Each structure stands twice: as structure tokens, then as C-alpha cells.
Amino acid sequence: MRHLKRTAKLGRTGQHRNAMLANLVCSLIKHKRVTTSLAKAKAARSVAEKMVTLGKSGTLHDRRLAVARLHQEDAVKILFNEIAPAQKERRGGYTRIYRLNQRQGDSSQKAILEWVDFGTVTETPAEGKPAKETKPAEAKEAKAEASK
């Protein structure tokens, strides 16, 4: 029985899984959006949100913990200087996952993992491509104009 064993194994050893999730989160930090399988997106979500929590406090110790987990100093700089200050008001839920269509080869479910406050998808994703990306301020203005 697998009671209290919550880790998604993803068909990899522990070291390989940790390295893969660290690379996925670093790509998310640098590019603000990543397309991957649904299982990997769900596993990377918890790592990304823990890194934002470290970035919100911003101490030297938290910066060192983030570098030890992610192994890329340039990604940690972006995390602490851009992403964490933008998420200062949020209490959690820094990422969102959009489900996409299945892949042809192995029929795995694809997904987009992105930050909540760095652009939003205005229409339902079709064919694996998000429709239009807008800034949060532009989205509020468009919503206000549509309600008039």
C-alpha cells in the first residue's frame, strides 16, 4: 500500500527527478511559461511555489537554499528580483496549469504551466497554442470596456 507516499515518481530515479524538476522550474522562471506533460507540470508546480515563497522573504539564507535546489544562479536572480516582488500580495497559488490536447506519440496529456500575474490567456487554448497574451493591467482595462 502507498499510504503517505505522495511523490510523483515520473518513471525516474530520485536524483534524475530532482534535476528534471529543477530544470523545468528554471525554464518557467526564465520564460514565464512552459509546455510539458500534465504529470510533470503538477510535480513542478509545488517546487515553483516553494521557490516563490523563499523569494518573498528574500534573505541571504533563502537565496542560498534556492540556488542549492535550482542549481542556476541567473534563474534565482530573476526569481528574487522580478517574480517574488510581483507576487508579494498573494498568499499562494502563484502558478496555473492549462490542460491541452493529447500528444500523438504516447498519448500523454500536455499542459501549459505559467505564472498567474505574468500575462493571461484570454481564450481557450486550441491545438496547443494559447490564443492571446495580455498584461494584467490591459486585461482589467479590456474587462472594464466590455462591461460598459
N, C-alpha and C. Protein backbone atom coordinates (compact mmCIF):
# COMPACT_ATOMS: atom_id res chain seq x y z
N MET A 1 0.84 -1.19 0.00
CA MET A 1 0.00 0.00 0.00
C MET A 1 0.88 1.25 0.00
N ARG A 2 0.39 2.29 -0.66
CA ARG A 2 1.18 3.51 -0.82
C ARG A 2 0.67 4.63 0.10
N HIS A 3 0.32 4.32 1.31
CA HIS A 3 -0.14 5.35 2.23
C HIS A 3 1.00 6.32 2.53
N LEU A 4 0.69 7.62 2.52
CA LEU A 4 1.62 8.71 2.84
C LEU A 4 2.82 8.75 1.91
N LYS A 5 2.69 8.26 0.70
CA LYS A 5 3.76 8.32 -0.29
C LYS A 5 3.23 9.15 -1.46
N ARG A 6 3.43 10.46 -1.35
CA ARG A 6 2.77 11.38 -2.26
C ARG A 6 3.61 11.75 -3.48
N THR A 7 4.89 11.51 -3.45
CA THR A 7 5.78 11.95 -4.51
C THR A 7 5.43 11.27 -5.84
N ALA A 8 5.31 12.08 -6.89
CA ALA A 8 5.10 11.54 -8.23
C ALA A 8 6.45 11.04 -8.74
N LYS A 9 6.57 9.76 -9.01
CA LYS A 9 7.86 9.18 -9.37
C LYS A 9 8.29 9.56 -10.80
N LEU A 10 7.34 9.68 -11.70
CA LEU A 10 7.60 10.09 -13.09
C LEU A 10 8.55 9.14 -13.82
N GLY A 11 8.68 7.92 -13.36
CA GLY A 11 9.50 6.92 -14.05
C GLY A 11 10.98 7.21 -13.99
N ARG A 12 11.45 7.90 -12.96
CA ARG A 12 12.85 8.29 -12.87
C ARG A 12 13.38 8.02 -11.47
N THR A 13 14.69 7.99 -11.35
CA THR A 13 15.29 7.88 -10.02
C THR A 13 15.15 9.22 -9.30
N GLY A 14 15.41 9.24 -8.03
CA GLY A 14 15.24 10.46 -7.25
C GLY A 14 16.12 11.59 -7.72
N GLN A 15 17.38 11.30 -8.01
CA GLN A 15 18.30 12.36 -8.46
C GLN A 15 17.88 12.89 -9.83
N HIS A 16 17.50 11.99 -10.72
CA HIS A 16 17.07 12.42 -12.06
C HIS A 16 15.80 13.25 -11.98
N ARG A 17 14.86 12.84 -11.13
CA ARG A 17 13.61 13.57 -10.96
C ARG A 17 13.87 14.97 -10.40
N ASN A 18 14.73 15.07 -9.39
CA ASN A 18 15.03 16.38 -8.81
C ASN A 18 15.71 17.30 -9.82
N ALA A 19 16.63 16.76 -10.61
CA ALA A 19 17.31 17.57 -11.62
C ALA A 19 16.35 18.02 -12.71
N MET A 20 15.45 17.11 -13.13
CA MET A 20 14.48 17.45 -14.17
C MET A 20 13.52 18.53 -13.68
N LEU A 21 13.04 18.41 -12.45
CA LEU A 21 12.12 19.42 -11.92
C LEU A 21 12.82 20.75 -11.72
N ALA A 22 14.08 20.73 -11.30
CA ALA A 22 14.84 21.97 -11.16
C ALA A 22 15.00 22.66 -12.51
N ASN A 23 15.31 21.91 -13.55
CA ASN A 23 15.44 22.49 -14.89
C ASN A 23 14.11 23.02 -15.39
N LEU A 24 13.03 22.32 -15.11
CA LEU A 24 11.70 22.75 -15.54
C LEU A 24 11.31 24.06 -14.84
N VAL A 25 11.59 24.16 -13.55
CA VAL A 25 11.27 25.38 -12.81
C VAL A 25 12.15 26.54 -13.27
N CYS A 26 13.42 26.27 -13.58
CA CYS A 26 14.29 27.33 -14.10
C CYS A 26 13.80 27.83 -15.45
N SER A 27 13.32 26.94 -16.29
CA SER A 27 12.75 27.35 -17.58
C SER A 27 11.48 28.17 -17.36
N LEU A 28 10.68 27.78 -16.38
CA LEU A 28 9.48 28.54 -16.06
C LEU A 28 9.85 29.95 -15.58
N ILE A 29 10.88 30.06 -14.78
CA ILE A 29 11.31 31.36 -14.27
C ILE A 29 11.81 32.25 -15.41
N LYS A 30 12.60 31.68 -16.31
CA LYS A 30 13.19 32.47 -17.39
C LYS A 30 12.18 32.85 -18.47
N HIS A 31 11.29 31.91 -18.83
CA HIS A 31 10.39 32.13 -19.97
C HIS A 31 8.96 32.46 -19.57
N LYS A 32 8.65 32.38 -18.28
CA LYS A 32 7.33 32.70 -17.72
C LYS A 32 6.24 31.70 -18.11
N ARG A 33 6.52 30.77 -19.00
CA ARG A 33 5.53 29.78 -19.42
C ARG A 33 6.26 28.57 -20.00
N VAL A 34 5.79 27.37 -19.66
CA VAL A 34 6.42 26.14 -20.12
C VAL A 34 5.33 25.17 -20.56
N THR A 35 5.54 24.51 -21.69
CA THR A 35 4.64 23.46 -22.14
C THR A 35 5.30 22.12 -21.87
N THR A 36 4.60 21.25 -21.15
CA THR A 36 5.15 19.95 -20.75
C THR A 36 4.00 18.98 -20.55
N SER A 37 4.29 17.81 -20.03
CA SER A 37 3.21 16.85 -19.75
C SER A 37 2.48 17.28 -18.48
N LEU A 38 1.26 16.81 -18.33
CA LEU A 38 0.45 17.20 -17.19
C LEU A 38 1.06 16.72 -15.88
N ALA A 39 1.61 15.51 -15.86
CA ALA A 39 2.20 14.97 -14.64
C ALA A 39 3.43 15.78 -14.22
N LYS A 40 4.26 16.16 -15.18
CA LYS A 40 5.44 16.97 -14.85
C LYS A 40 5.03 18.36 -14.40
N ALA A 41 3.99 18.92 -15.00
CA ALA A 41 3.52 20.25 -14.60
C ALA A 41 3.01 20.23 -13.17
N LYS A 42 2.28 19.19 -12.81
CA LYS A 42 1.78 19.10 -11.44
C LYS A 42 2.91 18.92 -10.44
N ALA A 43 3.94 18.17 -10.81
CA ALA A 43 5.07 17.97 -9.92
C ALA A 43 5.91 19.24 -9.80
N ALA A 44 6.07 19.97 -10.91
CA ALA A 44 6.88 21.18 -10.90
C ALA A 44 6.17 22.34 -10.21
N ARG A 45 4.86 22.30 -10.18
CA ARG A 45 4.09 23.37 -9.55
C ARG A 45 4.48 23.54 -8.08
N SER A 46 4.59 22.44 -7.35
CA SER A 46 4.90 22.55 -5.93
C SER A 46 6.32 23.08 -5.72
N VAL A 47 7.26 22.69 -6.56
CA VAL A 47 8.64 23.19 -6.45
C VAL A 47 8.67 24.69 -6.74
N ALA A 48 7.97 25.11 -7.79
CA ALA A 48 7.96 26.53 -8.17
C ALA A 48 7.34 27.39 -7.08
N GLU A 49 6.26 26.92 -6.49
CA GLU A 49 5.60 27.72 -5.46
C GLU A 49 6.45 27.81 -4.20
N LYS A 50 7.19 26.76 -3.88
CA LYS A 50 8.09 26.82 -2.73
C LYS A 50 9.24 27.79 -2.99
N MET A 51 9.70 27.87 -4.24
CA MET A 51 10.77 28.82 -4.57
C MET A 51 10.27 30.26 -4.48
N VAL A 52 9.04 30.52 -4.88
CA VAL A 52 8.48 31.87 -4.75
C VAL A 52 8.35 32.24 -3.28
N THR A 53 7.97 31.28 -2.45
CA THR A 53 7.87 31.55 -1.02
C THR A 53 9.24 31.92 -0.45
N LEU A 54 10.29 31.24 -0.90
CA LEU A 54 11.64 31.63 -0.48
C LEU A 54 11.98 33.04 -0.98
N GLY A 55 11.60 33.33 -2.22
CA GLY A 55 11.91 34.62 -2.81
C GLY A 55 11.19 35.78 -2.15
N LYS A 56 10.01 35.52 -1.59
CA LYS A 56 9.26 36.61 -0.96
C LYS A 56 9.94 37.12 0.30
N SER A 57 10.60 36.24 1.05
CA SER A 57 11.31 36.72 2.24
C SER A 57 12.63 37.38 1.84
N GLY A 58 13.33 36.79 0.85
CA GLY A 58 14.48 37.46 0.25
C GLY A 58 15.75 37.52 1.08
N THR A 59 15.88 36.70 2.09
CA THR A 59 17.10 36.73 2.90
C THR A 59 18.22 36.00 2.18
N LEU A 60 19.43 36.18 2.66
CA LEU A 60 20.59 35.51 2.07
C LEU A 60 20.46 33.99 2.21
N HIS A 61 19.97 33.54 3.35
CA HIS A 61 19.81 32.11 3.57
C HIS A 61 18.81 31.51 2.58
N ASP A 62 17.70 32.22 2.34
CA ASP A 62 16.70 31.73 1.38
C ASP A 62 17.26 31.73 -0.03
N ARG A 63 18.08 32.71 -0.36
CA ARG A 63 18.71 32.75 -1.69
C ARG A 63 19.64 31.55 -1.86
N ARG A 64 20.39 31.21 -0.82
CA ARG A 64 21.28 30.06 -0.90
C ARG A 64 20.50 28.75 -0.99
N LEU A 65 19.38 28.66 -0.29
CA LEU A 65 18.54 27.47 -0.40
C LEU A 65 17.98 27.32 -1.82
N ALA A 66 17.59 28.43 -2.43
CA ALA A 66 17.05 28.39 -3.79
C ALA A 66 18.13 27.98 -4.79
N VAL A 67 19.35 28.50 -4.64
CA VAL A 67 20.44 28.12 -5.54
C VAL A 67 20.77 26.64 -5.37
N ALA A 68 20.72 26.14 -4.14
CA ALA A 68 21.01 24.73 -3.90
C ALA A 68 19.96 23.83 -4.54
N ARG A 69 18.72 24.29 -4.62
CA ARG A 69 17.65 23.47 -5.20
C ARG A 69 17.61 23.58 -6.72
N LEU A 70 17.84 24.80 -7.24
CA LEU A 70 17.67 25.03 -8.68
C LEU A 70 18.97 24.92 -9.48
N HIS A 71 20.12 25.13 -8.86
CA HIS A 71 21.44 24.99 -9.49
C HIS A 71 21.73 26.00 -10.58
N GLN A 72 20.95 27.08 -10.69
CA GLN A 72 21.20 28.11 -11.70
C GLN A 72 21.05 29.48 -11.04
N GLU A 73 22.17 30.19 -10.91
CA GLU A 73 22.15 31.46 -10.21
C GLU A 73 21.40 32.54 -10.99
N ASP A 74 21.45 32.50 -12.32
CA ASP A 74 20.75 33.52 -13.10
C ASP A 74 19.23 33.38 -12.93
N ALA A 75 18.73 32.16 -12.83
CA ALA A 75 17.30 31.95 -12.61
C ALA A 75 16.90 32.42 -11.22
N VAL A 76 17.77 32.22 -10.24
CA VAL A 76 17.47 32.66 -8.87
C VAL A 76 17.43 34.19 -8.80
N LYS A 77 18.31 34.87 -9.55
CA LYS A 77 18.28 36.33 -9.59
C LYS A 77 16.95 36.83 -10.15
N ILE A 78 16.49 36.22 -11.24
CA ILE A 78 15.20 36.61 -11.82
C ILE A 78 14.08 36.35 -10.83
N LEU A 79 14.15 35.20 -10.16
CA LEU A 79 13.12 34.84 -9.18
C LEU A 79 13.05 35.86 -8.05
N PHE A 80 14.19 36.24 -7.49
CA PHE A 80 14.20 37.13 -6.34
C PHE A 80 13.97 38.59 -6.72
N ASN A 81 14.35 38.99 -7.95
CA ASN A 81 14.24 40.39 -8.34
C ASN A 81 12.96 40.74 -9.07
N GLU A 82 12.36 39.79 -9.80
CA GLU A 82 11.18 40.10 -10.61
C GLU A 82 9.93 39.36 -10.14
N ILE A 83 10.02 38.05 -10.03
CA ILE A 83 8.82 37.24 -9.80
C ILE A 83 8.32 37.36 -8.37
N ALA A 84 9.21 37.20 -7.38
CA ALA A 84 8.77 37.26 -5.98
C ALA A 84 8.20 38.62 -5.59
N PRO A 85 8.80 39.75 -5.98
CA PRO A 85 8.16 41.04 -5.64
C PRO A 85 6.79 41.22 -6.29
N ALA A 86 6.60 40.67 -7.49
CA ALA A 86 5.29 40.78 -8.14
C ALA A 86 4.23 39.94 -7.43
N GLN A 87 4.65 38.92 -6.72
CA GLN A 87 3.72 38.03 -6.02
C GLN A 87 3.60 38.38 -4.54
N LYS A 88 4.09 39.54 -4.13
CA LYS A 88 4.15 39.90 -2.71
C LYS A 88 2.78 39.89 -2.04
N GLU A 89 1.74 40.31 -2.74
CA GLU A 89 0.40 40.40 -2.15
C GLU A 89 -0.32 39.06 -2.09
N ARG A 90 0.10 38.10 -2.90
CA ARG A 90 -0.57 36.79 -2.93
C ARG A 90 -0.16 35.95 -1.75
N ARG A 91 -1.07 35.10 -1.30
CA ARG A 91 -0.78 34.19 -0.19
C ARG A 91 -0.49 32.79 -0.68
N GLY A 92 -0.51 32.57 -1.96
CA GLY A 92 -0.25 31.25 -2.52
C GLY A 92 -0.90 31.17 -3.89
N GLY A 93 -0.75 30.05 -4.55
CA GLY A 93 -1.34 29.89 -5.87
C GLY A 93 -0.67 30.77 -6.90
N TYR A 94 0.64 30.69 -6.99
CA TYR A 94 1.40 31.56 -7.89
C TYR A 94 1.41 31.05 -9.32
N THR A 95 1.08 29.79 -9.54
CA THR A 95 1.11 29.20 -10.88
C THR A 95 -0.27 28.70 -11.27
N ARG A 96 -0.46 28.53 -12.59
CA ARG A 96 -1.69 27.91 -13.09
C ARG A 96 -1.31 26.91 -14.16
N ILE A 97 -2.17 25.91 -14.33
CA ILE A 97 -1.95 24.85 -15.31
C ILE A 97 -3.14 24.84 -16.26
N TYR A 98 -2.84 24.95 -17.56
CA TYR A 98 -3.85 24.79 -18.60
C TYR A 98 -3.65 23.42 -19.23
N ARG A 99 -4.71 22.64 -19.32
CA ARG A 99 -4.62 21.34 -19.97
C ARG A 99 -4.78 21.53 -21.47
N LEU A 100 -3.98 20.79 -22.24
CA LEU A 100 -4.03 20.85 -23.69
C LEU A 100 -4.43 19.49 -24.23
N ASN A 101 -4.41 19.38 -25.55
CA ASN A 101 -4.76 18.11 -26.18
C ASN A 101 -3.66 17.06 -25.95
N GLN A 102 -3.97 15.81 -26.26
CA GLN A 102 -3.01 14.74 -26.05
C GLN A 102 -2.02 14.68 -27.20
N ARG A 103 -0.81 14.19 -26.89
CA ARG A 103 0.20 14.03 -27.91
C ARG A 103 -0.11 12.82 -28.77
N GLN A 104 0.40 12.83 -29.99
CA GLN A 104 0.13 11.73 -30.91
C GLN A 104 0.95 10.48 -30.57
N GLY A 105 2.21 10.66 -30.16
CA GLY A 105 3.09 9.51 -29.98
C GLY A 105 2.70 8.61 -28.84
N ASP A 106 2.72 9.13 -27.63
CA ASP A 106 2.45 8.30 -26.47
C ASP A 106 1.12 8.62 -25.81
N SER A 107 0.35 9.51 -26.40
CA SER A 107 -0.99 9.86 -25.93
C SER A 107 -0.99 10.44 -24.52
N SER A 108 0.10 11.11 -24.14
CA SER A 108 0.14 11.72 -22.82
C SER A 108 -0.54 13.09 -22.87
N GLN A 109 -1.10 13.49 -21.77
CA GLN A 109 -1.79 14.77 -21.68
C GLN A 109 -0.77 15.89 -21.58
N LYS A 110 -0.87 16.90 -22.45
CA LYS A 110 0.02 18.05 -22.41
C LYS A 110 -0.60 19.14 -21.55
N ALA A 111 0.24 20.06 -21.06
CA ALA A 111 -0.25 21.15 -20.25
C ALA A 111 0.70 22.34 -20.36
N ILE A 112 0.17 23.52 -20.09
CA ILE A 112 0.96 24.74 -20.01
C ILE A 112 1.03 25.12 -18.54
N LEU A 113 2.24 25.32 -18.04
CA LEU A 113 2.45 25.79 -16.67
C LEU A 113 2.94 27.22 -16.77
N GLU A 114 2.26 28.16 -16.09
CA GLU A 114 2.65 29.57 -16.18
C GLU A 114 2.41 30.27 -14.86
N TRP A 115 3.02 31.45 -14.72
CA TRP A 115 2.80 32.28 -13.55
C TRP A 115 1.46 32.97 -13.67
N VAL A 116 0.80 33.22 -12.57
CA VAL A 116 -0.54 33.79 -12.59
C VAL A 116 -0.53 35.25 -13.02
N ASP A 117 0.38 36.07 -12.51
CA ASP A 117 0.33 37.51 -12.76
C ASP A 117 1.18 37.96 -13.94
N PHE A 118 1.81 37.06 -14.67
CA PHE A 118 2.64 37.45 -15.81
C PHE A 118 1.94 37.07 -17.10
N GLY A 119 0.89 37.81 -17.47
CA GLY A 119 0.17 37.53 -18.70
C GLY A 119 -0.84 36.43 -18.51
N THR A 120 -1.99 36.60 -19.15
CA THR A 120 -3.04 35.61 -19.05
C THR A 120 -3.48 35.20 -20.44
N VAL A 121 -4.01 34.02 -20.54
CA VAL A 121 -4.55 33.54 -21.80
C VAL A 121 -6.00 33.96 -21.85
N THR A 122 -6.40 34.69 -22.90
CA THR A 122 -7.74 35.25 -22.95
C THR A 122 -8.75 34.29 -23.55
N GLU A 123 -8.32 33.34 -24.35
CA GLU A 123 -9.24 32.37 -24.93
C GLU A 123 -8.79 30.98 -24.57
N THR A 124 -9.66 30.01 -24.81
CA THR A 124 -9.32 28.63 -24.53
C THR A 124 -8.23 28.17 -25.49
N PRO A 125 -7.15 27.56 -24.98
CA PRO A 125 -6.09 27.10 -25.86
C PRO A 125 -6.60 26.01 -26.82
N ALA A 126 -6.26 26.15 -28.07
CA ALA A 126 -6.64 25.15 -29.07
C ALA A 126 -5.39 24.75 -29.85
N GLU A 127 -5.28 23.50 -30.14
CA GLU A 127 -4.14 22.98 -30.89
C GLU A 127 -2.82 23.25 -30.20
N GLY A 128 -2.82 23.35 -28.87
CA GLY A 128 -1.59 23.50 -28.13
C GLY A 128 -1.00 24.90 -28.13
N LYS A 129 -1.73 25.90 -28.69
CA LYS A 129 -1.21 27.26 -28.74
C LYS A 129 -2.18 28.19 -28.03
N PRO A 130 -1.71 28.97 -27.04
CA PRO A 130 -2.59 29.94 -26.41
C PRO A 130 -2.96 31.03 -27.40
N ALA A 131 -4.15 31.56 -27.25
CA ALA A 131 -4.68 32.50 -28.23
C ALA A 131 -3.99 33.86 -28.16
N LYS A 132 -4.12 34.56 -27.06
CA LYS A 132 -3.60 35.91 -26.98
C LYS A 132 -3.10 36.14 -25.57
N GLU A 133 -1.94 36.77 -25.48
CA GLU A 133 -1.35 37.05 -24.17
C GLU A 133 -1.49 38.54 -23.89
N THR A 134 -2.01 38.86 -22.69
CA THR A 134 -2.16 40.25 -22.32
C THR A 134 -1.53 40.48 -20.96
N LYS A 135 -1.22 41.70 -20.69
CA LYS A 135 -0.70 42.08 -19.38
C LYS A 135 -1.88 42.21 -18.42
N PRO A 136 -1.65 42.06 -17.11
CA PRO A 136 -2.76 42.17 -16.16
C PRO A 136 -3.49 43.51 -16.22
N ALA A 137 -2.76 44.62 -16.41
CA ALA A 137 -3.41 45.93 -16.47
C ALA A 137 -4.28 46.04 -17.72
N GLU A 138 -3.80 45.52 -18.85
CA GLU A 138 -4.58 45.56 -20.08
C GLU A 138 -5.83 44.70 -19.96
N ALA A 139 -5.73 43.59 -19.26
CA ALA A 139 -6.88 42.72 -19.08
C ALA A 139 -7.97 43.43 -18.28
N LYS A 140 -7.57 44.19 -17.23
CA LYS A 140 -8.54 44.92 -16.43
C LYS A 140 -9.22 46.00 -17.26
N GLU A 141 -8.42 46.71 -18.10
CA GLU A 141 -8.99 47.76 -18.94
C GLU A 141 -9.97 47.17 -19.95
N ALA A 142 -9.61 46.04 -20.56
CA ALA A 142 -10.49 45.41 -21.54
C ALA A 142 -11.78 44.93 -20.89
N LYS A 143 -11.67 44.44 -19.66
CA LYS A 143 -12.86 43.98 -18.94
C LYS A 143 -13.76 45.17 -18.60
N ALA A 144 -13.17 46.30 -18.22
CA ALA A 144 -13.94 47.49 -17.89
C ALA A 144 -14.66 48.04 -19.12
N GLU A 145 -13.97 48.01 -20.28
CA GLU A 145 -14.59 48.49 -21.52
C GLU A 145 -15.71 47.57 -21.97
N ALA A 146 -15.56 46.27 -21.76
CA ALA A 146 -16.58 45.32 -22.18
C ALA A 146 -17.83 45.44 -21.32
N SER A 147 -17.69 45.86 -20.07
CA SER A 147 -18.84 45.97 -19.18
C SER A 147 -19.65 47.25 -19.43
N LYS A 148 -19.07 48.22 -20.18
CA LYS A 148 -19.78 49.49 -20.45
C LYS A 148 -20.88 49.31 -21.45
